[in-house]
Amino acid sequence: MIQLFRKQRRTVKVPAEVADRFGEAFGQIAAGDIAELLTCGELNALADVMRSLGYPGRAEMWTEAHAQGDAEGDSH
């Protein structure tokens, strides 16, 4: 089980196979199709979940794909 923390400091347990399925589902094709449509806050939240589930490379890939659509002055 992987443990995540919420704002209330409640521990959430995610089975490893669910974390793996999530990480695999949000790959390069999805990032290219969706990342630019997300707000910066939505992207940051998704990237945080990916990192927490053990997919820091996917988080970076999504951040980079999102940044391609950022306006000047955006945080990515």
Protein backbone atom coordinates (compact mmCIF):
# COMPACT_ATOMS: atom_id res chain seq x y z
CA MET A 1 0.00 0.00 0.00
CA ILE A 2 1.10 3.54 -0.76
CA GLN A 3 0.07 6.21 1.73
CA LEU A 4 -0.97 9.71 0.68
CA PHE A 5 -1.74 12.69 2.90
CA ARG A 6 -4.64 15.10 2.55
CA LYS A 7 -4.89 18.61 3.98
CA GLN A 8 -6.53 17.18 7.10
CA ARG A 9 -3.48 14.94 7.52
CA ARG A 10 -5.66 11.91 6.97
CA THR A 11 -3.75 8.99 5.55
CA VAL A 12 -5.21 7.43 2.42
CA LYS A 13 -4.04 3.98 1.40
CA VAL A 14 -3.84 3.15 -2.28
CA PRO A 15 -3.14 -0.42 -3.37
CA ALA A 16 0.06 -0.63 -5.43
CA GLU A 17 -1.79 -2.10 -8.43
CA VAL A 18 -4.16 0.89 -8.45
CA ALA A 19 -1.24 3.32 -8.25
CA ASP A 20 0.46 1.49 -11.13
CA ARG A 21 -2.72 1.51 -13.23
CA PHE A 22 -3.12 5.25 -12.61
CA GLY A 23 0.50 5.98 -13.52
CA GLU A 24 0.32 3.92 -16.67
CA ALA A 25 -3.05 5.36 -17.78
CA PHE A 26 -1.81 8.95 -17.73
CA GLY A 27 1.00 8.55 -20.24
CA GLN A 28 2.45 10.62 -23.05
CA ILE A 29 -0.58 10.46 -25.36
CA ALA A 30 -2.95 11.63 -22.63
CA ALA A 31 -0.52 14.37 -21.60
CA GLY A 32 -0.29 15.66 -25.15
CA ASP A 33 -4.07 15.70 -25.53
CA ILE A 34 -5.08 17.03 -22.12
CA ALA A 35 -2.28 18.87 -20.28
CA GLU A 36 -2.70 22.21 -22.03
CA LEU A 37 -6.42 22.20 -21.20
CA LEU A 38 -5.81 22.05 -17.44
CA THR A 39 -5.46 25.10 -15.25
CA CYS A 40 -2.12 25.49 -13.51
CA GLY A 41 -3.75 24.45 -10.23
CA GLU A 42 -5.25 21.33 -11.76
CA LEU A 43 -1.95 20.38 -13.35
CA ASN A 44 -0.06 20.92 -10.09
CA ALA A 45 -2.55 18.74 -8.21
CA LEU A 46 -2.27 15.96 -10.81
CA ALA A 47 1.53 16.16 -10.76
CA ASP A 48 1.53 15.98 -6.95
CA VAL A 49 -0.57 12.80 -7.06
CA MET A 50 1.73 11.29 -9.67
CA ARG A 51 4.81 12.04 -7.56
CA SER A 52 3.11 10.65 -4.46
CA LEU A 53 2.29 7.44 -6.30
CA GLY A 54 5.89 7.01 -7.43
CA TYR A 55 5.71 8.51 -10.92
CA PRO A 56 7.91 11.63 -10.81
CA GLY A 57 8.83 11.24 -14.48
CA ARG A 58 5.18 11.29 -15.50
CA ALA A 59 4.63 14.37 -13.34
CA GLU A 60 7.46 16.15 -15.12
CA MET A 61 6.19 15.05 -18.55
CA TRP A 62 2.71 16.43 -17.78
CA THR A 63 4.18 19.68 -16.45
CA GLU A 64 6.24 20.14 -19.60
CA ALA A 65 3.25 19.36 -21.85
CA HIS A 66 1.12 21.82 -19.88
CA ALA A 67 3.79 24.52 -20.08
CA GLN A 68 3.64 24.47 -23.87
CA GLY A 69 0.23 26.11 -23.64
CA ASP A 70 1.05 28.55 -20.84
CA ALA A 71 0.66 32.24 -21.47
CA GLU A 72 3.56 34.54 -20.72
CA GLY A 73 3.92 34.94 -16.96
CA ASP A 74 2.28 31.60 -16.05
CA SER A 75 4.04 29.51 -13.42
CA HIS A 76 5.26 26.70 -15.68
